[in-house]
Amino acid sequence: MIRDLAKGLGPHVDDAAFRAAFEASPRPLLLVAADPPKFTMVAVNAAHARAFRTQAAALLGRGVLEVFPKGLSREVDAFVEAIRQSFEAVLAQRQAIPMGVRAFPIQRADGVSDERFWSAVNAPVFMPDGRLGFILSTVQDVTGEVMERRSEEARQLLMREVDHRARNSLTVVQSILRLTSAPDIDTYRRILTGRVEALARAQTSLVARRWEGAALAEVVESELAALAEPGRFTVEGPHVLLRAGHVQNMSMALHELATNAAKYGGLSREGGCVSVGWTRRGGELTLTWREQGGPPVTPPSHEGFGSRLIRQLGRLMQGDIRFDWREDGLQAEMRLRLDAQQAPPDA
């Protein structure tokens, strides 16, 4: 077959010259007989054998579609089907047919498969009598281009996500600035700084889990540790992963409770303490905040900004909060719905 093809290329190209040119090509080349449905491989250059980590002798005389394992994976089956369709299109249209990028893994010597992507141009080779005798498949490994494109898409997605998160954070900060009130500038600065720092701690928790959410225990401990000495608070509850949209709200709500406790409640006197615990039933979380050891508590005559903010944050988390102004210390109970996919089983 190769000799017939070499003769068809002209009087100055013999079998040896054709083979030398074929082998010298740096691009993977595969010469296939136009004998459907087998499509017998009649020549395989060294570049092609290296690309697919095989030997030419293992391929020659076999049908192209016969050498691929059947039922190995969907991507392998799709790769084989794309080859078949491309070859049949060459025969039907009698012109070169580009084959789209397809995934086909290559197994290394250690048995591990490398993800690789390939494209090809399959071109007809005509004999002197006009008969379509062969198909020349010029293959290209385009893995680098695919990975570069994926990297760029991931970068663009990350930039959009960062922009979205930054805008959300700025909106929250603007709300804090607008709604925070105080009798003097120093008090205003202190309150504002505390709330912005609570927001920053929430961002840190989110970044640690790549914006997938944050562990409730980490959020609670972070807010209490910012205002209370070690040993003056306890945290107890099953593992709960708050979804990303709830982390900032929970952090801000806990900051308001901790700030109130440090100024007026259980953390305002030596020996006072705060305990935070939670339970979960199905998709509902119940978090309980208890203060002890502070000054005697009386219900406030009117609801302050902090309490209003906590209630608003609770509603944003699809829940509510109840305050019980007990004489021995404030007890607050927060209930909210958890996204079932974001709430793993109790640890």
C-alpha atoms as a PDB file:
ATOM      1  CA  MET A   1       0.000   0.000   0.000  1.00  0.00           C
ATOM      2  CA  ILE A   2       2.748   2.449   0.917  1.00  0.00           C
ATOM      3  CA  ARG A   3       4.569   1.657  -2.325  1.00  0.00           C
ATOM      4  CA  ASP A   4       1.420   2.377  -4.318  1.00  0.00           C
ATOM      5  CA  LEU A   5       1.001   5.660  -2.502  1.00  0.00           C
ATOM      6  CA  ALA A   6       4.616   6.679  -3.109  1.00  0.00           C
ATOM      7  CA  LYS A   7       4.233   5.965  -6.818  1.00  0.00           C
ATOM      8  CA  GLY A   8       1.111   8.095  -6.855  1.00  0.00           C
ATOM      9  CA  LEU A   9       3.071  11.074  -5.519  1.00  0.00           C
ATOM     10  CA  GLY A  10       5.242  11.306  -8.654  1.00  0.00           C
ATOM     11  CA  PRO A  11       8.349   9.873 -10.298  1.00  0.00           C
ATOM     12  CA  HIS A  12      10.765  11.591  -7.916  1.00  0.00           C
ATOM     13  CA  VAL A  13       9.237  10.138  -4.750  1.00  0.00           C
ATOM     14  CA  ASP A  14      10.029   6.497  -4.071  1.00  0.00           C
ATOM     15  CA  ASP A  15       8.967   4.317  -1.155  1.00  0.00           C
ATOM     16  CA  ALA A  16      12.074   5.153   0.899  1.00  0.00           C
ATOM     17  CA  ALA A  17      11.747   8.905   0.313  1.00  0.00           C
ATOM     18  CA  PHE A  18       8.112   8.860   1.361  1.00  0.00           C
ATOM     19  CA  ARG A  19       8.887   6.905   4.510  1.00  0.00           C
ATOM     20  CA  ALA A  20      11.754   9.267   5.409  1.00  0.00           C
ATOM     21  CA  ALA A  21       9.545  12.345   4.997  1.00  0.00           C
ATOM     22  CA  PHE A  22       6.709  10.691   6.899  1.00  0.00           C
ATOM     23  CA  GLU A  23       8.969   9.750   9.802  1.00  0.00           C
ATOM     24  CA  ALA A  24      10.705  13.134   9.896  1.00  0.00           C
ATOM     25  CA  SER A  25       7.509  15.048  10.539  1.00  0.00           C
ATOM     26  CA  PRO A  26       7.408  16.485  14.092  1.00  0.00           C
ATOM     27  CA  ARG A  27       3.625  16.300  13.988  1.00  0.00           C
ATOM     28  CA  PRO A  28       1.969  12.968  14.830  1.00  0.00           C
ATOM     29  CA  LEU A  29       0.886  11.378  11.527  1.00  0.00           C
ATOM     30  CA  LEU A  30      -1.278   8.347  10.920  1.00  0.00           C
ATOM     31  CA  LEU A  31      -1.977   6.929   7.458  1.00  0.00           C
ATOM     32  CA  VAL A  32      -5.185   4.937   7.233  1.00  0.00           C
ATOM     33  CA  ALA A  33      -6.571   2.879   4.366  1.00  0.00           C
ATOM     34  CA  ALA A  34      -9.928   4.014   3.025  1.00  0.00           C
ATOM     35  CA  ASP A  35     -11.478   0.608   3.787  1.00  0.00           C
ATOM     36  CA  PRO A  36     -14.456   1.303   6.073  1.00  0.00           C
ATOM     37  CA  PRO A  37     -15.523   0.207   8.548  1.00  0.00           C
ATOM     38  CA  LYS A  38     -12.067  -1.055   9.571  1.00  0.00           C
ATOM     39  CA  PHE A  39      -9.874   1.880   8.474  1.00  0.00           C
ATOM     40  CA  THR A  40      -6.665  -0.166   8.562  1.00  0.00           C
ATOM     41  CA  MET A  41      -3.574   1.651   9.846  1.00  0.00           C
ATOM     42  CA  VAL A  42      -0.819   1.329   7.250  1.00  0.00           C
ATOM     43  CA  ALA A  43       1.748   3.829   8.540  1.00  0.00           C
ATOM     44  CA  VAL A  44       2.437   5.406  11.936  1.00  0.00           C
ATOM     45  CA  ASN A  45       5.257   7.896  12.399  1.00  0.00           C
ATOM     46  CA  ALA A  46       7.457   8.101  15.478  1.00  0.00           C
ATOM     47  CA  ALA A  47       5.838  11.337  16.691  1.00  0.00           C
ATOM     48  CA  HIS A  48       2.416   9.672  16.703  1.00  0.00           C
ATOM     49  CA  ALA A  49       3.715   6.628  18.591  1.00  0.00           C
ATOM     50  CA  ARG A  50       5.374   8.874  21.199  1.00  0.00           C
ATOM     51  CA  ALA A  51       2.277  11.040  21.612  1.00  0.00           C
ATOM     52  CA  PHE A  52       0.085   8.047  22.405  1.00  0.00           C
ATOM     53  CA  ARG A  53       2.851   6.137  24.224  1.00  0.00           C
ATOM     54  CA  THR A  54       2.733   3.068  22.054  1.00  0.00           C
ATOM     55  CA  GLN A  55       4.755   1.331  19.312  1.00  0.00           C
ATOM     56  CA  ALA A  56       4.074   1.522  15.587  1.00  0.00           C
ATOM     57  CA  ALA A  57       4.294  -2.277  15.374  1.00  0.00           C
ATOM     58  CA  ALA A  58       1.381  -2.551  17.811  1.00  0.00           C
ATOM     59  CA  LEU A  59      -0.838  -0.540  15.467  1.00  0.00           C
ATOM     60  CA  LEU A  60       0.065  -1.473  11.899  1.00  0.00           C
ATOM     61  CA  GLY A  61      -2.461  -3.703  10.211  1.00  0.00           C
ATOM     62  CA  ARG A  62      -5.128  -3.051  12.821  1.00  0.00           C
ATOM     63  CA  GLY A  63      -8.259  -0.985  12.431  1.00  0.00           C
ATOM     64  CA  VAL A  64      -8.160   2.455  14.044  1.00  0.00           C
ATOM     65  CA  LEU A  65     -11.379   1.874  15.948  1.00  0.00           C
ATOM     66  CA  GLU A  66     -10.245  -1.563  17.139  1.00  0.00           C
ATOM     67  CA  VAL A  67      -7.350  -0.377  19.298  1.00  0.00           C
ATOM     68  CA  PHE A  68      -9.405   1.662  21.764  1.00  0.00           C
ATOM     69  CA  PRO A  69     -10.781  -0.135  24.839  1.00  0.00           C
ATOM     70  CA  LYS A  70     -14.561  -0.354  24.737  1.00  0.00           C
ATOM     71  CA  GLY A  71     -16.664   0.786  27.676  1.00  0.00           C
ATOM     72  CA  LEU A  72     -13.694   2.294  29.520  1.00  0.00           C
ATOM     73  CA  SER A  73     -15.261   5.716  29.921  1.00  0.00           C
ATOM     74  CA  ARG A  74     -17.661   8.065  28.187  1.00  0.00           C
ATOM     75  CA  GLU A  75     -14.860  10.348  27.043  1.00  0.00           C
ATOM     76  CA  VAL A  76     -12.999   7.452  25.378  1.00  0.00           C
ATOM     77  CA  ASP A  77     -16.206   6.299  23.666  1.00  0.00           C
ATOM     78  CA  ALA A  78     -16.838   9.879  22.515  1.00  0.00           C
ATOM     79  CA  PHE A  79     -13.268  10.121  21.189  1.00  0.00           C
ATOM     80  CA  VAL A  80     -13.664   6.940  19.144  1.00  0.00           C
ATOM     81  CA  GLU A  81     -17.036   8.054  17.798  1.00  0.00           C
ATOM     82  CA  ALA A  82     -15.566  11.423  16.750  1.00  0.00           C
ATOM     83  CA  ILE A  83     -12.821   9.616  14.787  1.00  0.00           C
ATOM     84  CA  ARG A  84     -15.352   7.382  13.036  1.00  0.00           C
ATOM     85  CA  GLN A  85     -17.580  10.298  12.081  1.00  0.00           C
ATOM     86  CA  SER A  86     -14.617  12.329  10.831  1.00  0.00           C
ATOM     87  CA  PHE A  87     -13.291   9.484   8.659  1.00  0.00           C
ATOM     88  CA  GLU A  88     -16.740   8.814   7.204  1.00  0.00           C
ATOM     89  CA  ALA A  89     -17.113  12.547   6.464  1.00  0.00           C
ATOM     90  CA  VAL A  90     -13.782  12.503   4.585  1.00  0.00           C
ATOM     91  CA  LEU A  91     -15.015   9.622   2.422  1.00  0.00           C
ATOM     92  CA  ALA A  92     -18.378  11.253   1.805  1.00  0.00           C
ATOM     93  CA  GLN A  93     -17.172  14.794   1.125  1.00  0.00           C
ATOM     94  CA  ARG A  94     -13.759  13.920  -0.358  1.00  0.00           C
ATOM     95  CA  GLN A  95     -12.114  16.814   1.457  1.00  0.00           C
ATOM     96  CA  ALA A  96     -10.140  17.482   4.633  1.00  0.00           C
ATOM     97  CA  ILE A  97     -12.268  17.373   7.782  1.00  0.00           C
ATOM     98  CA  PRO A  98     -11.048  18.992  11.013  1.00  0.00           C
ATOM     99  CA  MET A  99     -11.922  17.024  14.117  1.00  0.00           C
ATOM    100  CA  GLY A 100     -12.903  19.072  17.154  1.00  0.00           C
ATOM    101  CA  VAL A 101     -10.966  19.002  20.410  1.00  0.00           C
ATOM    102  CA  ARG A 102     -11.559  15.808  22.336  1.00  0.00           C
ATOM    103  CA  ALA A 103     -10.311  14.427  25.629  1.00  0.00           C
ATOM    104  CA  PHE A 104      -8.392  11.168  25.627  1.00  0.00           C
ATOM    105  CA  PRO A 105      -6.254  10.238  28.664  1.00  0.00           C
ATOM    106  CA  ILE A 106      -2.801   8.768  28.172  1.00  0.00           C
ATOM    107  CA  GLN A 107      -1.559   6.163  30.624  1.00  0.00           C
ATOM    108  CA  ARG A 108       1.936   6.681  32.001  1.00  0.00           C
ATOM    109  CA  ALA A 109       4.420   3.923  32.746  1.00  0.00           C
ATOM    110  CA  ASP A 110       3.410   3.996  36.425  1.00  0.00           C
ATOM    111  CA  GLY A 111      -0.211   3.296  35.503  1.00  0.00           C
ATOM    112  CA  VAL A 112      -1.483   6.802  36.234  1.00  0.00           C
ATOM    113  CA  SER A 113      -3.555   8.436  33.491  1.00  0.00           C
ATOM    114  CA  ASP A 114      -2.709  11.937  32.299  1.00  0.00           C
ATOM    115  CA  GLU A 115      -5.589  14.099  31.132  1.00  0.00           C
ATOM    116  CA  ARG A 116      -4.819  15.035  27.513  1.00  0.00           C
ATOM    117  CA  PHE A 117      -6.753  16.846  24.780  1.00  0.00           C
ATOM    118  CA  TRP A 118      -6.364  16.301  21.050  1.00  0.00           C
ATOM    119  CA  SER A 119      -7.441  17.750  17.745  1.00  0.00           C
ATOM    120  CA  ALA A 120      -6.828  16.412  14.252  1.00  0.00           C
ATOM    121  CA  VAL A 121      -7.254  17.173  10.574  1.00  0.00           C
ATOM    122  CA  ASN A 122      -8.174  14.111   8.537  1.00  0.00           C
ATOM    123  CA  ALA A 123      -7.449  14.595   4.834  1.00  0.00           C
ATOM    124  CA  PRO A 124      -8.164  12.407   1.793  1.00  0.00           C
ATOM    125  CA  VAL A 125      -5.232  11.044  -0.226  1.00  0.00           C
ATOM    126  CA  PHE A 126      -6.140  10.377  -3.863  1.00  0.00           C
ATOM    127  CA  MET A 127      -4.497   7.825  -6.139  1.00  0.00           C
ATOM    128  CA  PRO A 128      -3.480   8.582  -9.778  1.00  0.00           C
ATOM    129  CA  ASP A 129      -6.755   7.087 -11.011  1.00  0.00           C
ATOM    130  CA  GLY A 130      -8.747   9.496  -8.803  1.00  0.00           C
ATOM    131  CA  ARG A 131      -9.664   6.862  -6.304  1.00  0.00           C
ATOM    132  CA  LEU A 132      -9.612   7.919  -2.628  1.00  0.00           C
ATOM    133  CA  GLY A 133      -7.110   5.427  -1.329  1.00  0.00           C
ATOM    134  CA  PHE A 134      -6.044   6.690   2.081  1.00  0.00           C
ATOM    135  CA  ILE A 135      -6.811   9.124   4.863  1.00  0.00           C
ATOM    136  CA  LEU A 136      -3.934  11.061   6.389  1.00  0.00           C
ATOM    137  CA  SER A 137      -4.650  12.000   9.996  1.00  0.00           C
ATOM    138  CA  THR A 138      -2.522  14.864  11.336  1.00  0.00           C
ATOM    139  CA  VAL A 139      -2.909  14.924  15.112  1.00  0.00           C
ATOM    140  CA  GLN A 140      -2.108  17.709  17.563  1.00  0.00           C
ATOM    141  CA  ASP A 141      -1.871  17.629  21.348  1.00  0.00           C
ATOM    142  CA  VAL A 142      -3.757  20.764  22.433  1.00  0.00           C
ATOM    143  CA  THR A 143      -3.697  20.079  26.176  1.00  0.00           C
ATOM    144  CA  GLY A 144      -1.677  23.230  26.853  1.00  0.00           C
ATOM    145  CA  GLU A 145      -4.170  25.434  25.036  1.00  0.00           C
ATOM    146  CA  VAL A 146      -7.131  23.821  26.804  1.00  0.00           C
ATOM    147  CA  MET A 147      -5.524  24.230  30.223  1.00  0.00           C
ATOM    148  CA  GLU A 148      -4.584  27.829  29.477  1.00  0.00           C
ATOM    149  CA  ARG A 149      -8.155  28.569  28.452  1.00  0.00           C
ATOM    150  CA  ARG A 150      -9.456  26.902  31.591  1.00  0.00           C
ATOM    151  CA  SER A 151      -7.034  28.922  33.697  1.00  0.00           C
ATOM    152  CA  GLU A 152      -8.175  32.155  32.071  1.00  0.00           C
ATOM    153  CA  GLU A 153     -11.830  31.239  32.572  1.00  0.00           C
ATOM    154  CA  ALA A 154     -11.130  30.431  36.220  1.00  0.00           C
ATOM    155  CA  ARG A 155      -9.302  33.735  36.634  1.00  0.00           C
ATOM    156  CA  GLN A 156     -12.198  35.653  35.104  1.00  0.00           C
ATOM    157  CA  LEU A 157     -14.654  33.800  37.346  1.00  0.00           C
ATOM    158  CA  LEU A 158     -12.520  34.599  40.395  1.00  0.00           C
ATOM    159  CA  MET A 159     -12.328  38.275  39.446  1.00  0.00           C
ATOM    160  CA  ARG A 160     -16.111  38.445  39.078  1.00  0.00           C
ATOM    161  CA  GLU A 161     -16.541  36.730  42.437  1.00  0.00           C
ATOM    162  CA  VAL A 162     -14.073  39.093  44.137  1.00  0.00           C
ATOM    163  CA  ASP A 163     -15.882  42.069  42.607  1.00  0.00           C
ATOM    164  CA  HIS A 164     -19.230  40.713  43.810  1.00  0.00           C
ATOM    165  CA  ARG A 165     -17.924  40.073  47.335  1.00  0.00           C
ATOM    166  CA  ALA A 166     -16.241  43.467  47.505  1.00  0.00           C
ATOM    167  CA  ARG A 167     -19.433  45.247  46.466  1.00  0.00           C
ATOM    168  CA  ASN A 168     -21.424  43.307  49.066  1.00  0.00           C
ATOM    169  CA  SER A 169     -18.910  44.183  51.772  1.00  0.00           C
ATOM    170  CA  LEU A 170     -18.947  47.854  50.817  1.00  0.00           C
ATOM    171  CA  THR A 171     -22.744  47.829  50.949  1.00  0.00           C
ATOM    172  CA  VAL A 172     -22.627  46.390  54.462  1.00  0.00           C
ATOM    173  CA  VAL A 173     -20.047  48.966  55.540  1.00  0.00           C
ATOM    174  CA  GLN A 174     -22.192  51.768  54.115  1.00  0.00           C
ATOM    175  CA  SER A 175     -25.174  50.453  56.097  1.00  0.00           C
ATOM    176  CA  ILE A 176     -23.081  50.334  59.283  1.00  0.00           C
ATOM    177  CA  LEU A 177     -21.915  53.915  58.722  1.00  0.00           C
ATOM    178  CA  ARG A 178     -25.423  55.141  58.073  1.00  0.00           C
ATOM    179  CA  LEU A 179     -27.104  53.351  60.976  1.00  0.00           C
ATOM    180  CA  THR A 180     -24.466  53.628  63.717  1.00  0.00           C
ATOM    181  CA  SER A 181     -25.202  56.384  66.221  1.00  0.00           C
ATOM    182  CA  ALA A 182     -23.353  57.529  69.355  1.00  0.00           C
ATOM    183  CA  PRO A 183     -23.342  60.516  71.737  1.00  0.00           C
ATOM    184  CA  ASP A 184     -19.816  61.598  70.763  1.00  0.00           C
ATOM    185  CA  ILE A 185     -17.190  61.012  68.095  1.00  0.00           C
ATOM    186  CA  ASP A 186     -14.960  58.768  70.220  1.00  0.00           C
ATOM    187  CA  THR A 187     -17.845  56.459  71.066  1.00  0.00           C
ATOM    188  CA  TYR A 188     -18.934  56.474  67.422  1.00  0.00           C
ATOM    189  CA  ARG A 189     -15.412  55.563  66.316  1.00  0.00           C
ATOM    190  CA  ARG A 190     -15.200  52.719  68.850  1.00  0.00           C
ATOM    191  CA  ILE A 191     -18.587  51.244  67.878  1.00  0.00           C
ATOM    192  CA  LEU A 192     -17.880  51.576  64.175  1.00  0.00           C
ATOM    193  CA  THR A 193     -14.428  50.001  64.499  1.00  0.00           C
ATOM    194  CA  GLY A 194     -15.868  47.014  66.357  1.00  0.00           C
ATOM    195  CA  ARG A 195     -18.515  46.383  63.727  1.00  0.00           C
ATOM    196  CA  VAL A 196     -16.106  46.676  60.826  1.00  0.00           C
ATOM    197  CA  GLU A 197     -13.670  44.326  62.600  1.00  0.00           C
ATOM    198  CA  ALA A 198     -16.495  41.802  63.025  1.00  0.00           C
ATOM    199  CA  LEU A 199     -17.126  42.049  59.294  1.00  0.00           C
ATOM    200  CA  ALA A 200     -13.413  41.506  58.625  1.00  0.00           C
ATOM    201  CA  ARG A 201     -13.368  38.393  60.834  1.00  0.00           C
ATOM    202  CA  ALA A 202     -16.288  36.995  58.849  1.00  0.00           C
ATOM    203  CA  GLN A 203     -14.369  37.615  55.620  1.00  0.00           C
ATOM    204  CA  THR A 204     -11.351  35.776  57.043  1.00  0.00           C
ATOM    205  CA  SER A 205     -13.508  32.752  57.904  1.00  0.00           C
ATOM    206  CA  LEU A 206     -14.964  32.720  54.400  1.00  0.00           C
ATOM    207  CA  VAL A 207     -11.580  33.003  52.694  1.00  0.00           C
ATOM    208  CA  ALA A 208     -10.271  30.078  54.772  1.00  0.00           C
ATOM    209  CA  ARG A 209     -12.918  27.859  53.147  1.00  0.00           C
ATOM    210  CA  ARG A 210     -12.741  29.488  49.705  1.00  0.00           C
ATOM    211  CA  TRP A 211     -16.090  31.223  50.171  1.00  0.00           C
ATOM    212  CA  GLU A 212     -17.929  27.917  50.595  1.00  0.00           C
ATOM    213  CA  GLY A 213     -19.065  28.918  54.098  1.00  0.00           C
ATOM    214  CA  ALA A 214     -17.634  28.778  57.602  1.00  0.00           C
ATOM    215  CA  ALA A 215     -17.901  26.523  60.638  1.00  0.00           C
ATOM    216  CA  LEU A 216     -20.331  27.993  63.180  1.00  0.00           C
ATOM    217  CA  ALA A 217     -17.970  27.174  66.063  1.00  0.00           C
ATOM    218  CA  GLU A 218     -15.184  29.192  64.431  1.00  0.00           C
ATOM    219  CA  VAL A 219     -17.474  32.190  63.933  1.00  0.00           C
ATOM    220  CA  VAL A 220     -18.733  32.097  67.540  1.00  0.00           C
ATOM    221  CA  GLU A 221     -15.267  31.664  69.063  1.00  0.00           C
ATOM    222  CA  SER A 222     -13.802  34.397  66.873  1.00  0.00           C
ATOM    223  CA  GLU A 223     -16.366  36.976  67.992  1.00  0.00           C
ATOM    224  CA  LEU A 224     -16.166  36.089  71.685  1.00  0.00           C
ATOM    225  CA  ALA A 225     -12.368  35.963  71.690  1.00  0.00           C
ATOM    226  CA  ALA A 226     -12.302  39.519  70.348  1.00  0.00           C
ATOM    227  CA  LEU A 227     -14.090  40.858  73.459  1.00  0.00           C
ATOM    228  CA  ALA A 228     -13.655  38.311  76.234  1.00  0.00           C
ATOM    229  CA  GLU A 229     -10.676  36.786  77.991  1.00  0.00           C
ATOM    230  CA  PRO A 230     -10.081  33.042  77.699  1.00  0.00           C
ATOM    231  CA  GLY A 231     -12.042  31.118  80.308  1.00  0.00           C
ATOM    232  CA  ARG A 232     -14.912  33.601  80.387  1.00  0.00           C
ATOM    233  CA  PHE A 233     -16.900  31.952  77.618  1.00  0.00           C
ATOM    234  CA  THR A 234     -17.827  28.453  76.522  1.00  0.00           C
ATOM    235  CA  VAL A 235     -18.861  27.253  73.098  1.00  0.00           C
ATOM    236  CA  GLU A 236     -20.581  23.930  72.519  1.00  0.00           C
ATOM    237  CA  GLY A 237     -22.526  22.374  69.690  1.00  0.00           C
ATOM    238  CA  PRO A 238     -22.355  19.946  66.762  1.00  0.00           C
ATOM    239  CA  HIS A 239     -20.403  20.747  63.635  1.00  0.00           C
ATOM    240  CA  VAL A 240     -22.451  23.085  61.458  1.00  0.00           C
ATOM    241  CA  LEU A 241     -21.237  24.684  58.260  1.00  0.00           C
ATOM    242  CA  LEU A 242     -22.912  28.032  57.708  1.00  0.00           C
ATOM    243  CA  ARG A 243     -23.455  28.859  54.082  1.00  0.00           C
ATOM    244  CA  ALA A 244     -21.527  31.844  52.748  1.00  0.00           C
ATOM    245  CA  GLY A 245     -24.568  34.126  52.739  1.00  0.00           C
ATOM    246  CA  HIS A 246     -25.105  33.595  56.496  1.00  0.00           C
ATOM    247  CA  VAL A 247     -21.540  33.984  57.758  1.00  0.00           C
ATOM    248  CA  GLN A 248     -21.384  37.787  57.740  1.00  0.00           C
ATOM    249  CA  ASN A 249     -24.838  38.099  59.292  1.00  0.00           C
ATOM    250  CA  MET A 250     -24.093  35.605  62.066  1.00  0.00           C
ATOM    251  CA  SER A 251     -20.748  37.248  62.809  1.00  0.00           C
ATOM    252  CA  MET A 252     -22.337  40.712  63.062  1.00  0.00           C
ATOM    253  CA  ALA A 253     -25.185  39.453  65.262  1.00  0.00           C
ATOM    254  CA  LEU A 254     -22.770  37.712  67.653  1.00  0.00           C
ATOM    255  CA  HIS A 255     -20.610  40.831  67.745  1.00  0.00           C
ATOM    256  CA  GLU A 256     -23.596  42.916  68.870  1.00  0.00           C
ATOM    257  CA  LEU A 257     -24.448  40.399  71.608  1.00  0.00           C
ATOM    258  CA  ALA A 258     -20.815  40.209  72.766  1.00  0.00           C
ATOM    259  CA  THR A 259     -20.460  43.997  72.756  1.00  0.00           C
ATOM    260  CA  ASN A 260     -23.613  44.387  74.848  1.00  0.00           C
ATOM    261  CA  ALA A 261     -22.351  41.715  77.268  1.00  0.00           C
ATOM    262  CA  ALA A 262     -18.998  43.494  77.615  1.00  0.00           C
ATOM    263  CA  LYS A 263     -20.644  46.862  78.306  1.00  0.00           C
ATOM    264  CA  TYR A 264     -23.682  45.937  80.405  1.00  0.00           C
ATOM    265  CA  GLY A 265     -23.978  42.165  80.857  1.00  0.00           C
ATOM    266  CA  GLY A 266     -22.128  39.025  81.784  1.00  0.00           C
ATOM    267  CA  LEU A 267     -18.725  40.202  80.552  1.00  0.00           C
ATOM    268  CA  SER A 268     -18.884  43.615  82.244  1.00  0.00           C
ATOM    269  CA  ARG A 269     -17.982  42.255  85.711  1.00  0.00           C
ATOM    270  CA  GLU A 270     -15.144  40.067  86.831  1.00  0.00           C
ATOM    271  CA  GLY A 271     -16.367  36.514  87.261  1.00  0.00           C
ATOM    272  CA  GLY A 272     -19.154  36.961  84.724  1.00  0.00           C
ATOM    273  CA  CYS A 273     -19.312  34.673  81.715  1.00  0.00           C
ATOM    274  CA  VAL A 274     -21.127  33.830  78.508  1.00  0.00           C
ATOM    275  CA  SER A 275     -22.061  30.412  77.175  1.00  0.00           C
ATOM    276  CA  VAL A 276     -23.137  29.735  73.618  1.00  0.00           C
ATOM    277  CA  GLY A 277     -24.605  26.429  72.528  1.00  0.00           C
ATOM    278  CA  TRP A 278     -26.638  25.163  69.619  1.00  0.00           C
ATOM    279  CA  THR A 279     -28.568  22.160  68.412  1.00  0.00           C
ATOM    280  CA  ARG A 280     -29.807  21.142  65.027  1.00  0.00           C
ATOM    281  CA  ARG A 281     -32.883  19.221  63.982  1.00  0.00           C
ATOM    282  CA  GLY A 282     -33.056  18.563  60.292  1.00  0.00           C
ATOM    283  CA  GLY A 283     -32.587  21.877  58.568  1.00  0.00           C
ATOM    284  CA  GLU A 284     -33.281  24.054  61.626  1.00  0.00           C
ATOM    285  CA  LEU A 285     -30.570  25.487  63.857  1.00  0.00           C
ATOM    286  CA  THR A 286     -31.309  26.736  67.385  1.00  0.00           C
ATOM    287  CA  LEU A 287     -28.538  28.819  68.957  1.00  0.00           C
ATOM    288  CA  THR A 288     -28.764  29.880  72.603  1.00  0.00           C
ATOM    289  CA  TRP A 289     -26.797  32.753  74.138  1.00  0.00           C
ATOM    290  CA  ARG A 290     -26.639  32.833  77.969  1.00  0.00           C
ATOM    291  CA  GLU A 291     -24.997  35.414  80.237  1.00  0.00           C
ATOM    292  CA  GLN A 292     -24.282  34.942  83.935  1.00  0.00           C
ATOM    293  CA  GLY A 293     -22.457  36.829  86.681  1.00  0.00           C
ATOM    294  CA  GLY A 294     -23.177  40.316  85.426  1.00  0.00           C
ATOM    295  CA  PRO A 295     -25.198  43.098  87.073  1.00  0.00           C
ATOM    296  CA  PRO A 296     -28.934  42.529  87.689  1.00  0.00           C
ATOM    297  CA  VAL A 297     -30.842  42.724  84.434  1.00  0.00           C
ATOM    298  CA  THR A 298     -34.029  44.653  83.764  1.00  0.00           C
ATOM    299  CA  PRO A 299     -35.820  44.685  80.418  1.00  0.00           C
ATOM    300  CA  PRO A 300     -34.954  47.844  78.431  1.00  0.00           C
ATOM    301  CA  SER A 301     -37.613  50.543  78.145  1.00  0.00           C
ATOM    302  CA  HIS A 302     -37.102  50.682  74.389  1.00  0.00           C
ATOM    303  CA  GLU A 303     -35.327  48.602  71.789  1.00  0.00           C
ATOM    304  CA  GLY A 304     -31.896  49.973  70.913  1.00  0.00           C
ATOM    305  CA  PHE A 305     -30.100  49.922  67.598  1.00  0.00           C
ATOM    306  CA  GLY A 306     -28.102  46.815  68.521  1.00  0.00           C
ATOM    307  CA  SER A 307     -31.249  44.785  69.220  1.00  0.00           C
ATOM    308  CA  ARG A 308     -32.900  46.015  66.029  1.00  0.00           C
ATOM    309  CA  LEU A 309     -29.778  45.146  64.060  1.00  0.00           C
ATOM    310  CA  ILE A 310     -29.691  41.623  65.521  1.00  0.00           C
ATOM    311  CA  ARG A 311     -33.344  41.063  64.611  1.00  0.00           C
ATOM    312  CA  GLN A 312     -32.726  42.317  61.087  1.00  0.00           C
ATOM    313  CA  LEU A 313     -29.697  40.055  60.705  1.00  0.00           C
ATOM    314  CA  GLY A 314     -31.784  37.122  61.961  1.00  0.00           C
ATOM    315  CA  ARG A 315     -34.412  37.785  59.298  1.00  0.00           C
ATOM    316  CA  LEU A 316     -31.702  37.923  56.632  1.00  0.00           C
ATOM    317  CA  MET A 317     -30.732  34.404  57.737  1.00  0.00           C
ATOM    318  CA  GLN A 318     -34.355  33.251  57.327  1.00  0.00           C
ATOM    319  CA  GLY A 319     -34.826  33.077  61.074  1.00  0.00           C
ATOM    320  CA  ASP A 320     -35.719  35.069  64.149  1.00  0.00           C
ATOM    321  CA  ILE A 321     -34.328  35.869  67.597  1.00  0.00           C
ATOM    322  CA  ARG A 322     -36.006  36.138  70.988  1.00  0.00           C
ATOM    323  CA  PHE A 323     -34.616  38.015  73.971  1.00  0.00           C
ATOM    324  CA  ASP A 324     -35.337  36.883  77.535  1.00  0.00           C
ATOM    325  CA  TRP A 325     -34.153  39.592  79.959  1.00  0.00           C
ATOM    326  CA  ARG A 326     -33.735  37.369  83.026  1.00  0.00           C
ATOM    327  CA  GLU A 327     -32.616  38.928  86.276  1.00  0.00           C
ATOM    328  CA  ASP A 328     -29.482  36.764  86.410  1.00  0.00           C
ATOM    329  CA  GLY A 329     -28.510  37.535  82.822  1.00  0.00           C
ATOM    330  CA  LEU A 330     -29.705  37.903  79.264  1.00  0.00           C
ATOM    331  CA  GLN A 331     -30.719  34.783  77.381  1.00  0.00           C
ATOM    332  CA  ALA A 332     -31.211  35.022  73.620  1.00  0.00           C
ATOM    333  CA  GLU A 333     -32.428  32.255  71.370  1.00  0.00           C
ATOM    334  CA  MET A 334     -31.852  32.384  67.631  1.00  0.00           C
ATOM    335  CA  ARG A 335     -33.557  30.039  65.198  1.00  0.00           C
ATOM    336  CA  LEU A 336     -32.708  29.877  61.539  1.00  0.00           C
ATOM    337  CA  ARG A 337     -32.991  27.578  58.553  1.00  0.00           C
ATOM    338  CA  LEU A 338     -29.931  25.826  57.225  1.00  0.00           C
ATOM    339  CA  ASP A 339     -29.318  24.868  53.643  1.00  0.00           C
ATOM    340  CA  ALA A 340     -29.411  21.061  53.779  1.00  0.00           C
ATOM    341  CA  GLN A 341     -26.430  20.812  51.421  1.00  0.00           C
ATOM    342  CA  GLN A 342     -24.359  23.099  53.616  1.00  0.00           C
ATOM    343  CA  ALA A 343     -25.164  21.423  56.927  1.00  0.00           C
ATOM    344  CA  PRO A 344     -23.177  18.190  57.394  1.00  0.00           C
ATOM    345  CA  PRO A 345     -24.224  15.577  59.976  1.00  0.00           C
ATOM    346  CA  ASP A 346     -23.327  16.044  63.642  1.00  0.00           C
ATOM    347  CA  ALA A 347     -19.695  15.351  64.359  1.00  0.00           C
END
